[in-house]
Every structure is written in structure tokens, then in C-alpha cells.
């Protein structure tokens, strides 16, 4: 993926974010996220010189987005893109000082709020057409990212051996064969017949993210229901494993290793900050706080 950069715009916000994206080693899905964040950031700040992106302006941006109803988690992700661009701008000589003033923004989520239980998944999937429903099913049971679900193929499922191939291109983890839960196996077997998915090269859920799933996801968010988004769905497969009792007796070390392996997250589960902050939210205590559907 190549980005067009104008020499005349060097030192401005759009060019700075574009430069960061083009020089950063990341998965295509992550790169697409940064590009999406660039659109929203430039729309609010304008294509101003990076020297005008100051602490007061960032605080104004945060409050403006909160007023619009944007979730804090989304704001934080966009600010990550902005901060990386500003730090690169300092290294490139477009800022006189390094960024040591970044605001601390607290998350508005609580442990367990973004988890779907088994019953919630069974109810939530009925809101969509069958060709979209299969995408919801794959995300719930596999825990894969949206981009990996889109490219998941028939050859990645072995019904005879009751296994499925897990991908996590965002973390660059090696694909891994994992056991296929019985309910998931039945769903896939029925869908392969109904959808005519017979060739190894065919995608399992080719059209699942089409309209109306996007606007429906927003409606569910605004109604304060469990979110039909990547974040909520990819965590719920782990909550169901707890319901099955598969991980209830594990100590914290084994538990963190098991969850990290299932979702394809790299790093030491006992020292990784993201594993500690996010994966440990699936403990039985967190699940007990899960909001009803």
C-alpha cells in the first residue's frame, strides 16, 4: 500500500500521519485503521501544521468527540495514531520538542460489559440475514478479527478432525489448528451445504459485513445493548469456554496462556500489558458482571 505525499505539505497533519503509516511495519488491517483515523483527525483538526496540535487542542478534541457520542475506546485509538504521527514529526524536525504532555483518558468500559454470553449470541444472530449470520457465528466462536474472518476459507475447517485454523494477522501470530466446538461444527456443516461452500478456496463468510450489519451495530450500541462489533464478539468465545467449564480450574498463569493461545496473541502472557489488561477481563469474576441482553 503506497501513500501519495506532497513535499509542500511536509510538517502538516495529514502528511505527518501519512508518513507514519507508510513507514510503519504493521498488518494491512492495522494500516487501514490508521487511514480511517487519519480521516477523522484531519476532519476535526484540519490539515494544520503539527505545531498547532497542542495539549489544549487535544483536550478540546476529546471533549468534542465525547459530546458527539463517540466511545472513549474509539477516541483513544485515534489518539494513538495522532501521537505516533507527532512523535515522528519531532524526529523529522517538524516539532521543536518531543511529546511529553499527552493527556490520560480513562476508558468508559467495565470488565464484562463487552462480553456476549452463549444465550446473547443465539438471540443477537437472529437480527441478521443467514449470509451475514455466519459471520457473527465465526466471530463469536473463533475470536478472530474482522479482517481474518473475511478471508477465512473452506480449507481452514477440518470437519473430519473437528479442527479449525485460527489466524491473527494483526499480531502476526502463526496460524494454529484449534479444536472445533460441537455447536460451531454443526453451524459450519449446515452453512457449507446451504451456502454451497465446497471448494477449498471458497471463503466461508464472503458478504457478511455488508449493509445492514453496520448500521444495525450502531443501533445496538446506542440502545446500550451488547455491541455487535469486533470487540464484543471476539471476546465472547472465551466466555463460553468458561461456561463449559473448560478453564474454570486454571490458575492465572495457565489461564492467561490458554486465552492468549486461543486468540493468537504473541508475547509473554504473564508480563504483556495488553494480555494483563484485556485477557484477564475474562475471569469468572468479570463474567459475573456481564450486563444482561
C-alpha atoms as a PDB file:
ATOM      1  CA  UNK A   1       0.000   0.000   0.000  1.00  0.00           C
ATOM      2  CA  UNK A   2       1.549   3.275  -1.131  1.00  0.00           C
ATOM      3  CA  UNK A   3       0.505   6.749   0.004  1.00  0.00           C
ATOM      4  CA  UNK A   4       0.885   9.887  -2.088  1.00  0.00           C
ATOM      5  CA  UNK A   5       2.868  12.508  -0.166  1.00  0.00           C
ATOM      6  CA  UNK A   6       3.292  16.125  -1.254  1.00  0.00           C
ATOM      7  CA  UNK A   7       6.605  17.831  -0.492  1.00  0.00           C
ATOM      8  CA  UNK A   8       4.737  21.102   0.007  1.00  0.00           C
ATOM      9  CA  UNK A   9       2.616  19.592   2.817  1.00  0.00           C
ATOM     10  CA  UNK A  10       5.559  18.373   4.914  1.00  0.00           C
ATOM     11  CA  UNK A  11       5.003  19.286   8.532  1.00  0.00           C
ATOM     12  CA  UNK A  12       1.228  19.342   8.226  1.00  0.00           C
ATOM     13  CA  UNK A  13      -1.085  16.921   9.976  1.00  0.00           C
ATOM     14  CA  UNK A  14      -2.289  14.856   7.017  1.00  0.00           C
ATOM     15  CA  UNK A  15       1.207  14.405   5.611  1.00  0.00           C
ATOM     16  CA  UNK A  16       2.585  13.533   9.036  1.00  0.00           C
ATOM     17  CA  UNK A  17       0.027  10.794   9.604  1.00  0.00           C
ATOM     18  CA  UNK A  18       0.503   9.504   6.056  1.00  0.00           C
ATOM     19  CA  UNK A  19       4.278   9.421   6.532  1.00  0.00           C
ATOM     20  CA  UNK A  20       3.874   7.477   9.771  1.00  0.00           C
ATOM     21  CA  UNK A  21       1.569   4.932   8.116  1.00  0.00           C
ATOM     22  CA  UNK A  22       3.818   4.412   5.107  1.00  0.00           C
ATOM     23  CA  UNK A  23       6.925   3.888   7.262  1.00  0.00           C
ATOM     24  CA  UNK A  24       5.366   1.671   9.920  1.00  0.00           C
ATOM     25  CA  UNK A  25       5.672  -2.108   9.804  1.00  0.00           C
ATOM     26  CA  UNK A  26       2.140  -3.306  10.545  1.00  0.00           C
ATOM     27  CA  UNK A  27      -0.560  -5.615   9.214  1.00  0.00           C
ATOM     28  CA  UNK A  28      -2.871  -4.372   6.454  1.00  0.00           C
ATOM     29  CA  UNK A  29      -5.789  -4.355   8.894  1.00  0.00           C
ATOM     30  CA  UNK A  30      -3.885  -2.079  11.277  1.00  0.00           C
ATOM     31  CA  UNK A  31      -2.815   0.143   8.388  1.00  0.00           C
ATOM     32  CA  UNK A  32      -6.437   0.501   7.319  1.00  0.00           C
ATOM     33  CA  UNK A  33      -7.349   1.523  10.866  1.00  0.00           C
ATOM     34  CA  UNK A  34      -4.701   4.255  10.835  1.00  0.00           C
ATOM     35  CA  UNK A  35      -6.031   5.512   7.495  1.00  0.00           C
ATOM     36  CA  UNK A  36      -9.537   5.652   8.917  1.00  0.00           C
ATOM     37  CA  UNK A  37      -8.242   7.515  11.974  1.00  0.00           C
ATOM     38  CA  UNK A  38      -6.434   9.993   9.702  1.00  0.00           C
ATOM     39  CA  UNK A  39      -9.734  10.886   8.037  1.00  0.00           C
ATOM     40  CA  UNK A  40     -11.424  11.699  11.348  1.00  0.00           C
ATOM     41  CA  UNK A  41      -8.432  13.544  12.810  1.00  0.00           C
ATOM     42  CA  UNK A  42      -7.900  15.756   9.762  1.00  0.00           C
ATOM     43  CA  UNK A  43     -11.625  16.441   9.602  1.00  0.00           C
ATOM     44  CA  UNK A  44     -11.576  17.841  13.139  1.00  0.00           C
ATOM     45  CA  UNK A  45      -8.136  19.489  13.403  1.00  0.00           C
ATOM     46  CA  UNK A  46      -7.935  20.484   9.757  1.00  0.00           C
ATOM     47  CA  UNK A  47      -4.762  19.978   7.754  1.00  0.00           C
ATOM     48  CA  UNK A  48      -2.923  22.297  10.118  1.00  0.00           C
ATOM     49  CA  UNK A  49       0.810  22.434  10.876  1.00  0.00           C
ATOM     50  CA  UNK A  50       1.671  19.820  13.507  1.00  0.00           C
ATOM     51  CA  UNK A  51       2.913  22.650  15.745  1.00  0.00           C
ATOM     52  CA  UNK A  52      -0.736  23.677  16.198  1.00  0.00           C
ATOM     53  CA  UNK A  53      -1.706  20.289  17.635  1.00  0.00           C
ATOM     54  CA  UNK A  54      -1.220  21.291  21.254  1.00  0.00           C
ATOM     55  CA  UNK A  55      -2.339  19.937  24.623  1.00  0.00           C
ATOM     56  CA  UNK A  56      -5.357  22.302  24.835  1.00  0.00           C
ATOM     57  CA  UNK A  57      -6.394  21.395  21.286  1.00  0.00           C
ATOM     58  CA  UNK A  58      -6.227  17.663  22.014  1.00  0.00           C
ATOM     59  CA  UNK A  59      -8.339  18.182  25.132  1.00  0.00           C
ATOM     60  CA  UNK A  60     -10.872  20.091  23.017  1.00  0.00           C
ATOM     61  CA  UNK A  61     -10.902  17.228  20.513  1.00  0.00           C
ATOM     62  CA  UNK A  62     -11.561  14.660  23.251  1.00  0.00           C
ATOM     63  CA  UNK A  63     -14.479  16.636  24.682  1.00  0.00           C
ATOM     64  CA  UNK A  64     -15.923  17.328  21.226  1.00  0.00           C
ATOM     65  CA  UNK A  65     -15.900  13.637  20.332  1.00  0.00           C
ATOM     66  CA  UNK A  66     -17.440  12.668  23.671  1.00  0.00           C
ATOM     67  CA  UNK A  67     -20.196  15.220  23.049  1.00  0.00           C
ATOM     68  CA  UNK A  68     -20.866  13.601  19.678  1.00  0.00           C
ATOM     69  CA  UNK A  69     -21.332  10.270  21.436  1.00  0.00           C
ATOM     70  CA  UNK A  70     -18.096   8.663  20.248  1.00  0.00           C
ATOM     71  CA  UNK A  71     -16.958   5.909  22.600  1.00  0.00           C
ATOM     72  CA  UNK A  72     -13.837   6.600  24.637  1.00  0.00           C
ATOM     73  CA  UNK A  73     -12.243   3.430  23.258  1.00  0.00           C
ATOM     74  CA  UNK A  74     -12.570   4.825  19.705  1.00  0.00           C
ATOM     75  CA  UNK A  75     -11.176   8.207  20.748  1.00  0.00           C
ATOM     76  CA  UNK A  76      -8.176   6.545  22.393  1.00  0.00           C
ATOM     77  CA  UNK A  77      -7.422   4.553  19.238  1.00  0.00           C
ATOM     78  CA  UNK A  78      -7.493   7.686  17.090  1.00  0.00           C
ATOM     79  CA  UNK A  79      -5.219   9.446  19.575  1.00  0.00           C
ATOM     80  CA  UNK A  80      -2.709   6.602  19.316  1.00  0.00           C
ATOM     81  CA  UNK A  81      -2.458   7.324  15.584  1.00  0.00           C
ATOM     82  CA  UNK A  82      -2.104  11.048  16.286  1.00  0.00           C
ATOM     83  CA  UNK A  83       0.592  10.583  18.914  1.00  0.00           C
ATOM     84  CA  UNK A  84       2.689   8.296  16.704  1.00  0.00           C
ATOM     85  CA  UNK A  85       2.484  10.868  13.906  1.00  0.00           C
ATOM     86  CA  UNK A  86       3.551  13.692  16.248  1.00  0.00           C
ATOM     87  CA  UNK A  87       6.445  11.680  17.668  1.00  0.00           C
ATOM     88  CA  UNK A  88       7.667  11.012  14.138  1.00  0.00           C
ATOM     89  CA  UNK A  89       7.250  14.694  13.353  1.00  0.00           C
ATOM     90  CA  UNK A  90       9.644  15.539  16.204  1.00  0.00           C
ATOM     91  CA  UNK A  91      12.198  13.051  14.879  1.00  0.00           C
ATOM     92  CA  UNK A  92      11.824  14.536  11.401  1.00  0.00           C
ATOM     93  CA  UNK A  93      12.432  18.051  12.702  1.00  0.00           C
ATOM     94  CA  UNK A  94       8.900  19.377  12.272  1.00  0.00           C
ATOM     95  CA  UNK A  95       8.324  19.799  16.026  1.00  0.00           C
ATOM     96  CA  UNK A  96      10.713  21.604  18.365  1.00  0.00           C
ATOM     97  CA  UNK A  97      10.018  19.328  21.351  1.00  0.00           C
ATOM     98  CA  UNK A  98       9.107  15.715  21.966  1.00  0.00           C
ATOM     99  CA  UNK A  99       5.568  14.831  23.083  1.00  0.00           C
ATOM    100  CA  UNK A 100       5.690  14.674  26.893  1.00  0.00           C
ATOM    101  CA  UNK A 101       2.310  16.266  27.589  1.00  0.00           C
ATOM    102  CA  UNK A 102      -0.108  13.576  26.375  1.00  0.00           C
ATOM    103  CA  UNK A 103      -3.460  13.546  28.233  1.00  0.00           C
ATOM    104  CA  UNK A 104      -4.533  10.488  30.191  1.00  0.00           C
ATOM    105  CA  UNK A 105      -8.014   9.488  29.080  1.00  0.00           C
ATOM    106  CA  UNK A 106      -9.888   6.928  31.176  1.00  0.00           C
ATOM    107  CA  UNK A 107     -11.901   4.185  29.495  1.00  0.00           C
ATOM    108  CA  UNK A 108     -15.677   4.179  29.903  1.00  0.00           C
ATOM    109  CA  UNK A 109     -15.964   0.384  29.864  1.00  0.00           C
ATOM    110  CA  UNK A 110     -16.112  -2.060  32.754  1.00  0.00           C
ATOM    111  CA  UNK A 111     -14.946  -5.678  32.899  1.00  0.00           C
ATOM    112  CA  UNK A 112     -17.528  -7.949  31.377  1.00  0.00           C
ATOM    113  CA  UNK A 113     -19.570  -5.267  29.608  1.00  0.00           C
ATOM    114  CA  UNK A 114     -18.343  -6.212  26.144  1.00  0.00           C
ATOM    115  CA  UNK A 115     -18.858  -9.955  26.565  1.00  0.00           C
ATOM    116  CA  UNK A 116     -21.571 -11.928  24.851  1.00  0.00           C
ATOM    117  CA  UNK A 117     -22.873 -14.971  26.657  1.00  0.00           C
ATOM    118  CA  UNK A 118     -23.999 -18.048  24.756  1.00  0.00           C
ATOM    119  CA  UNK A 119     -27.679 -17.036  25.011  1.00  0.00           C
ATOM    120  CA  UNK A 120     -26.911 -13.486  23.871  1.00  0.00           C
ATOM    121  CA  UNK A 121     -25.147 -14.832  20.796  1.00  0.00           C
ATOM    122  CA  UNK A 122     -28.116 -17.086  19.961  1.00  0.00           C
ATOM    123  CA  UNK A 123     -30.506 -14.128  20.191  1.00  0.00           C
ATOM    124  CA  UNK A 124     -28.286 -11.494  18.583  1.00  0.00           C
ATOM    125  CA  UNK A 125     -27.528 -13.510  15.430  1.00  0.00           C
ATOM    126  CA  UNK A 126     -31.247 -13.679  14.576  1.00  0.00           C
ATOM    127  CA  UNK A 127     -31.218  -9.947  13.771  1.00  0.00           C
ATOM    128  CA  UNK A 128     -29.340 -10.655  10.534  1.00  0.00           C
ATOM    129  CA  UNK A 129     -29.773 -12.482   7.254  1.00  0.00           C
ATOM    130  CA  UNK A 130     -28.266 -16.016   7.032  1.00  0.00           C
ATOM    131  CA  UNK A 131     -25.359 -14.923   4.822  1.00  0.00           C
ATOM    132  CA  UNK A 132     -24.488 -12.282   7.443  1.00  0.00           C
ATOM    133  CA  UNK A 133     -25.330 -14.522  10.375  1.00  0.00           C
ATOM    134  CA  UNK A 134     -22.472 -16.861   9.551  1.00  0.00           C
ATOM    135  CA  UNK A 135     -20.003 -14.002  10.057  1.00  0.00           C
ATOM    136  CA  UNK A 136     -21.441 -13.354  13.514  1.00  0.00           C
ATOM    137  CA  UNK A 137     -21.102 -17.072  14.255  1.00  0.00           C
ATOM    138  CA  UNK A 138     -17.483 -17.228  13.109  1.00  0.00           C
ATOM    139  CA  UNK A 139     -16.525 -14.183  15.172  1.00  0.00           C
ATOM    140  CA  UNK A 140     -18.287 -15.488  18.279  1.00  0.00           C
ATOM    141  CA  UNK A 141     -16.783 -18.949  18.163  1.00  0.00           C
ATOM    142  CA  UNK A 142     -13.336 -18.186  16.758  1.00  0.00           C
ATOM    143  CA  UNK A 143     -12.483 -14.826  18.301  1.00  0.00           C
ATOM    144  CA  UNK A 144     -10.752 -13.739  15.086  1.00  0.00           C
ATOM    145  CA  UNK A 145     -10.522 -10.151  13.871  1.00  0.00           C
ATOM    146  CA  UNK A 146     -12.879  -8.909  11.162  1.00  0.00           C
ATOM    147  CA  UNK A 147     -10.151  -8.967   8.513  1.00  0.00           C
ATOM    148  CA  UNK A 148      -9.315 -12.607   9.274  1.00  0.00           C
ATOM    149  CA  UNK A 149     -12.974 -13.638   9.204  1.00  0.00           C
ATOM    150  CA  UNK A 150     -13.340 -12.061   5.756  1.00  0.00           C
ATOM    151  CA  UNK A 151     -10.512 -14.169   4.320  1.00  0.00           C
ATOM    152  CA  UNK A 152     -11.308 -17.400   6.213  1.00  0.00           C
ATOM    153  CA  UNK A 153     -11.702 -20.247   3.668  1.00  0.00           C
ATOM    154  CA  UNK A 154     -13.228 -23.718   3.469  1.00  0.00           C
ATOM    155  CA  UNK A 155      -9.759 -25.249   3.677  1.00  0.00           C
ATOM    156  CA  UNK A 156      -9.373 -23.688   7.134  1.00  0.00           C
ATOM    157  CA  UNK A 157     -12.027 -26.032   8.554  1.00  0.00           C
ATOM    158  CA  UNK A 158     -11.481 -29.771   9.002  1.00  0.00           C
ATOM    159  CA  UNK A 159     -14.815 -31.284   9.968  1.00  0.00           C
ATOM    160  CA  UNK A 160     -13.389 -34.813   9.940  1.00  0.00           C
ATOM    161  CA  UNK A 161     -10.771 -33.970  12.556  1.00  0.00           C
ATOM    162  CA  UNK A 162     -13.044 -31.418  14.277  1.00  0.00           C
ATOM    163  CA  UNK A 163     -10.456 -28.644  13.942  1.00  0.00           C
ATOM    164  CA  UNK A 164     -10.302 -25.095  12.602  1.00  0.00           C
ATOM    165  CA  UNK A 165      -7.376 -22.894  11.640  1.00  0.00           C
ATOM    166  CA  UNK A 166      -7.028 -19.735  13.705  1.00  0.00           C
ATOM    167  CA  UNK A 167      -5.445 -16.629  12.163  1.00  0.00           C
ATOM    168  CA  UNK A 168      -4.349 -13.415  13.828  1.00  0.00           C
ATOM    169  CA  UNK A 169      -2.612 -11.337  11.171  1.00  0.00           C
ATOM    170  CA  UNK A 170      -2.766  -8.239  13.361  1.00  0.00           C
ATOM    171  CA  UNK A 171      -0.420  -9.756  15.945  1.00  0.00           C
ATOM    172  CA  UNK A 172       1.469 -11.688  13.220  1.00  0.00           C
ATOM    173  CA  UNK A 173       0.911 -14.953  15.082  1.00  0.00           C
ATOM    174  CA  UNK A 174       1.425 -18.227  13.243  1.00  0.00           C
ATOM    175  CA  UNK A 175      -1.842 -19.875  12.097  1.00  0.00           C
ATOM    176  CA  UNK A 176      -2.794 -22.610  14.572  1.00  0.00           C
ATOM    177  CA  UNK A 177      -5.217 -25.536  14.417  1.00  0.00           C
ATOM    178  CA  UNK A 178      -7.622 -25.489  17.369  1.00  0.00           C
ATOM    179  CA  UNK A 179     -10.432 -27.837  18.486  1.00  0.00           C
ATOM    180  CA  UNK A 180     -13.808 -27.193  16.893  1.00  0.00           C
ATOM    181  CA  UNK A 181     -16.630 -26.766  19.471  1.00  0.00           C
ATOM    182  CA  UNK A 182     -19.596 -29.061  18.660  1.00  0.00           C
ATOM    183  CA  UNK A 183     -22.102 -26.214  18.172  1.00  0.00           C
ATOM    184  CA  UNK A 184     -19.701 -24.389  15.867  1.00  0.00           C
ATOM    185  CA  UNK A 185     -19.074 -27.575  13.899  1.00  0.00           C
ATOM    186  CA  UNK A 186     -22.821 -28.067  13.310  1.00  0.00           C
ATOM    187  CA  UNK A 187     -23.239 -24.443  12.209  1.00  0.00           C
ATOM    188  CA  UNK A 188     -20.388 -24.699   9.729  1.00  0.00           C
ATOM    189  CA  UNK A 189     -21.527 -28.051   8.367  1.00  0.00           C
ATOM    190  CA  UNK A 190     -25.042 -26.720   7.732  1.00  0.00           C
ATOM    191  CA  UNK A 191     -23.712 -23.494   6.203  1.00  0.00           C
ATOM    192  CA  UNK A 192     -21.343 -25.306   3.828  1.00  0.00           C
ATOM    193  CA  UNK A 193     -24.383 -27.128   2.400  1.00  0.00           C
ATOM    194  CA  UNK A 194     -26.757 -24.118   2.369  1.00  0.00           C
ATOM    195  CA  UNK A 195     -24.146 -21.698   1.031  1.00  0.00           C
ATOM    196  CA  UNK A 196     -22.600 -24.075  -1.477  1.00  0.00           C
ATOM    197  CA  UNK A 197     -19.194 -23.804   0.201  1.00  0.00           C
ATOM    198  CA  UNK A 198     -17.450 -26.861  -1.255  1.00  0.00           C
ATOM    199  CA  UNK A 199     -14.138 -25.772  -2.813  1.00  0.00           C
ATOM    200  CA  UNK A 200     -11.131 -25.281  -0.531  1.00  0.00           C
ATOM    201  CA  UNK A 201     -10.555 -21.784  -1.954  1.00  0.00           C
ATOM    202  CA  UNK A 202     -14.080 -20.522  -1.195  1.00  0.00           C
ATOM    203  CA  UNK A 203     -14.453 -18.005   1.615  1.00  0.00           C
ATOM    204  CA  UNK A 204     -16.718 -19.089   4.444  1.00  0.00           C
ATOM    205  CA  UNK A 205     -18.365 -15.696   5.023  1.00  0.00           C
ATOM    206  CA  UNK A 206     -17.742 -13.551   1.925  1.00  0.00           C
ATOM    207  CA  UNK A 207     -20.554 -10.998   2.277  1.00  0.00           C
ATOM    208  CA  UNK A 208     -21.283 -10.939   5.970  1.00  0.00           C
ATOM    209  CA  UNK A 209     -20.161  -7.331   6.672  1.00  0.00           C
ATOM    210  CA  UNK A 210     -22.426  -5.784   4.048  1.00  0.00           C
ATOM    211  CA  UNK A 211     -25.375  -3.499   4.841  1.00  0.00           C
ATOM    212  CA  UNK A 212     -27.391  -3.585   7.090  1.00  0.00           C
ATOM    213  CA  UNK A 213     -24.970  -5.043   9.622  1.00  0.00           C
ATOM    214  CA  UNK A 214     -23.006  -1.802  10.042  1.00  0.00           C
ATOM    215  CA  UNK A 215     -25.976   0.468  10.817  1.00  0.00           C
ATOM    216  CA  UNK A 216     -27.514  -2.287  12.935  1.00  0.00           C
ATOM    217  CA  UNK A 217     -24.339  -2.379  15.021  1.00  0.00           C
ATOM    218  CA  UNK A 218     -24.656   1.343  15.666  1.00  0.00           C
ATOM    219  CA  UNK A 219     -28.311   0.975  16.673  1.00  0.00           C
ATOM    220  CA  UNK A 220     -27.371  -1.696  19.199  1.00  0.00           C
ATOM    221  CA  UNK A 221     -24.620   0.493  20.605  1.00  0.00           C
ATOM    222  CA  UNK A 222     -26.934   3.447  21.044  1.00  0.00           C
ATOM    223  CA  UNK A 223     -29.515   1.222  22.719  1.00  0.00           C
ATOM    224  CA  UNK A 224     -26.844   0.238  25.271  1.00  0.00           C
ATOM    225  CA  UNK A 225     -27.143  -3.412  24.246  1.00  0.00           C
ATOM    226  CA  UNK A 226     -24.090  -5.704  23.977  1.00  0.00           C
ATOM    227  CA  UNK A 227     -22.134  -4.495  20.986  1.00  0.00           C
ATOM    228  CA  UNK A 228     -22.312  -6.303  17.670  1.00  0.00           C
ATOM    229  CA  UNK A 229     -18.792  -5.276  16.834  1.00  0.00           C
ATOM    230  CA  UNK A 230     -15.416  -6.910  16.576  1.00  0.00           C
ATOM    231  CA  UNK A 231     -14.508  -6.044  20.163  1.00  0.00           C
ATOM    232  CA  UNK A 232     -17.505  -7.624  21.809  1.00  0.00           C
ATOM    233  CA  UNK A 233     -17.809 -10.640  19.561  1.00  0.00           C
ATOM    234  CA  UNK A 234     -14.231 -11.779  19.512  1.00  0.00           C
ATOM    235  CA  UNK A 235     -14.151 -11.901  23.300  1.00  0.00           C
ATOM    236  CA  UNK A 236     -17.281 -13.915  23.798  1.00  0.00           C
ATOM    237  CA  UNK A 237     -15.951 -17.232  22.526  1.00  0.00           C
ATOM    238  CA  UNK A 238     -13.716 -17.256  25.592  1.00  0.00           C
ATOM    239  CA  UNK A 239     -16.646 -16.501  27.898  1.00  0.00           C
ATOM    240  CA  UNK A 240     -18.404 -19.583  26.547  1.00  0.00           C
ATOM    241  CA  UNK A 241     -15.375 -21.722  27.317  1.00  0.00           C
ATOM    242  CA  UNK A 242     -15.795 -20.623  30.926  1.00  0.00           C
ATOM    243  CA  UNK A 243     -19.457 -21.615  30.785  1.00  0.00           C
ATOM    244  CA  UNK A 244     -18.404 -25.040  29.548  1.00  0.00           C
ATOM    245  CA  UNK A 245     -16.025 -25.288  32.472  1.00  0.00           C
ATOM    246  CA  UNK A 246     -13.011 -25.701  30.209  1.00  0.00           C
ATOM    247  CA  UNK A 247     -10.934 -23.129  32.064  1.00  0.00           C
ATOM    248  CA  UNK A 248     -12.588 -22.709  35.450  1.00  0.00           C
ATOM    249  CA  UNK A 249      -9.941 -24.613  37.390  1.00  0.00           C
ATOM    250  CA  UNK A 250      -6.910 -22.982  35.774  1.00  0.00           C
ATOM    251  CA  UNK A 251      -4.603 -20.760  37.808  1.00  0.00           C
ATOM    252  CA  UNK A 252      -3.923 -17.255  36.454  1.00  0.00           C
ATOM    253  CA  UNK A 253      -0.736 -18.288  34.639  1.00  0.00           C
ATOM    254  CA  UNK A 254      -2.340 -21.206  32.826  1.00  0.00           C
ATOM    255  CA  UNK A 255      -5.468 -19.183  32.177  1.00  0.00           C
ATOM    256  CA  UNK A 256      -3.625 -16.287  30.550  1.00  0.00           C
ATOM    257  CA  UNK A 257      -1.545 -18.685  28.440  1.00  0.00           C
ATOM    258  CA  UNK A 258      -4.645 -20.567  27.319  1.00  0.00           C
ATOM    259  CA  UNK A 259      -6.544 -17.421  26.282  1.00  0.00           C
ATOM    260  CA  UNK A 260      -3.514 -15.925  24.519  1.00  0.00           C
ATOM    261  CA  UNK A 261      -3.027 -19.159  22.572  1.00  0.00           C
ATOM    262  CA  UNK A 262      -6.697 -19.350  21.575  1.00  0.00           C
ATOM    263  CA  UNK A 263      -6.763 -15.806  20.212  1.00  0.00           C
ATOM    264  CA  UNK A 264      -3.273 -15.904  18.738  1.00  0.00           C
ATOM    265  CA  UNK A 265      -1.707 -13.177  20.845  1.00  0.00           C
ATOM    266  CA  UNK A 266       2.080 -13.090  20.976  1.00  0.00           C
ATOM    267  CA  UNK A 267       4.221 -12.160  23.948  1.00  0.00           C
ATOM    268  CA  UNK A 268       4.682 -13.450  27.478  1.00  0.00           C
ATOM    269  CA  UNK A 269       1.141 -13.772  28.928  1.00  0.00           C
ATOM    270  CA  UNK A 270       2.428 -13.010  32.435  1.00  0.00           C
ATOM    271  CA  UNK A 271       4.242  -9.772  31.537  1.00  0.00           C
ATOM    272  CA  UNK A 272       2.378  -8.484  28.464  1.00  0.00           C
ATOM    273  CA  UNK A 273       0.438  -5.336  29.324  1.00  0.00           C
ATOM    274  CA  UNK A 274      -2.313  -5.972  26.776  1.00  0.00           C
ATOM    275  CA  UNK A 275      -2.820  -9.532  27.971  1.00  0.00           C
ATOM    276  CA  UNK A 276      -2.992  -8.402  31.586  1.00  0.00           C
ATOM    277  CA  UNK A 277      -5.400  -5.535  30.866  1.00  0.00           C
ATOM    278  CA  UNK A 278      -7.670  -7.293  28.387  1.00  0.00           C
ATOM    279  CA  UNK A 279      -7.418 -11.061  28.675  1.00  0.00           C
ATOM    280  CA  UNK A 280      -7.785 -11.083  32.435  1.00  0.00           C
ATOM    281  CA  UNK A 281     -11.170  -9.434  31.950  1.00  0.00           C
ATOM    282  CA  UNK A 282     -12.488 -12.894  31.088  1.00  0.00           C
ATOM    283  CA  UNK A 283     -12.086 -14.298  34.585  1.00  0.00           C
ATOM    284  CA  UNK A 284     -15.242 -15.715  36.216  1.00  0.00           C
ATOM    285  CA  UNK A 285     -15.484 -12.551  38.341  1.00  0.00           C
ATOM    286  CA  UNK A 286     -15.564 -10.373  35.218  1.00  0.00           C
ATOM    287  CA  UNK A 287     -18.132 -12.614  33.589  1.00  0.00           C
ATOM    288  CA  UNK A 288     -20.368 -12.305  36.641  1.00  0.00           C
ATOM    289  CA  UNK A 289     -20.552  -8.548  35.964  1.00  0.00           C
ATOM    290  CA  UNK A 290     -21.727  -9.052  32.389  1.00  0.00           C
ATOM    291  CA  UNK A 291     -24.798  -6.978  31.539  1.00  0.00           C
ATOM    292  CA  UNK A 292     -27.992  -8.834  30.578  1.00  0.00           C
ATOM    293  CA  UNK A 293     -29.012  -8.776  26.881  1.00  0.00           C
END
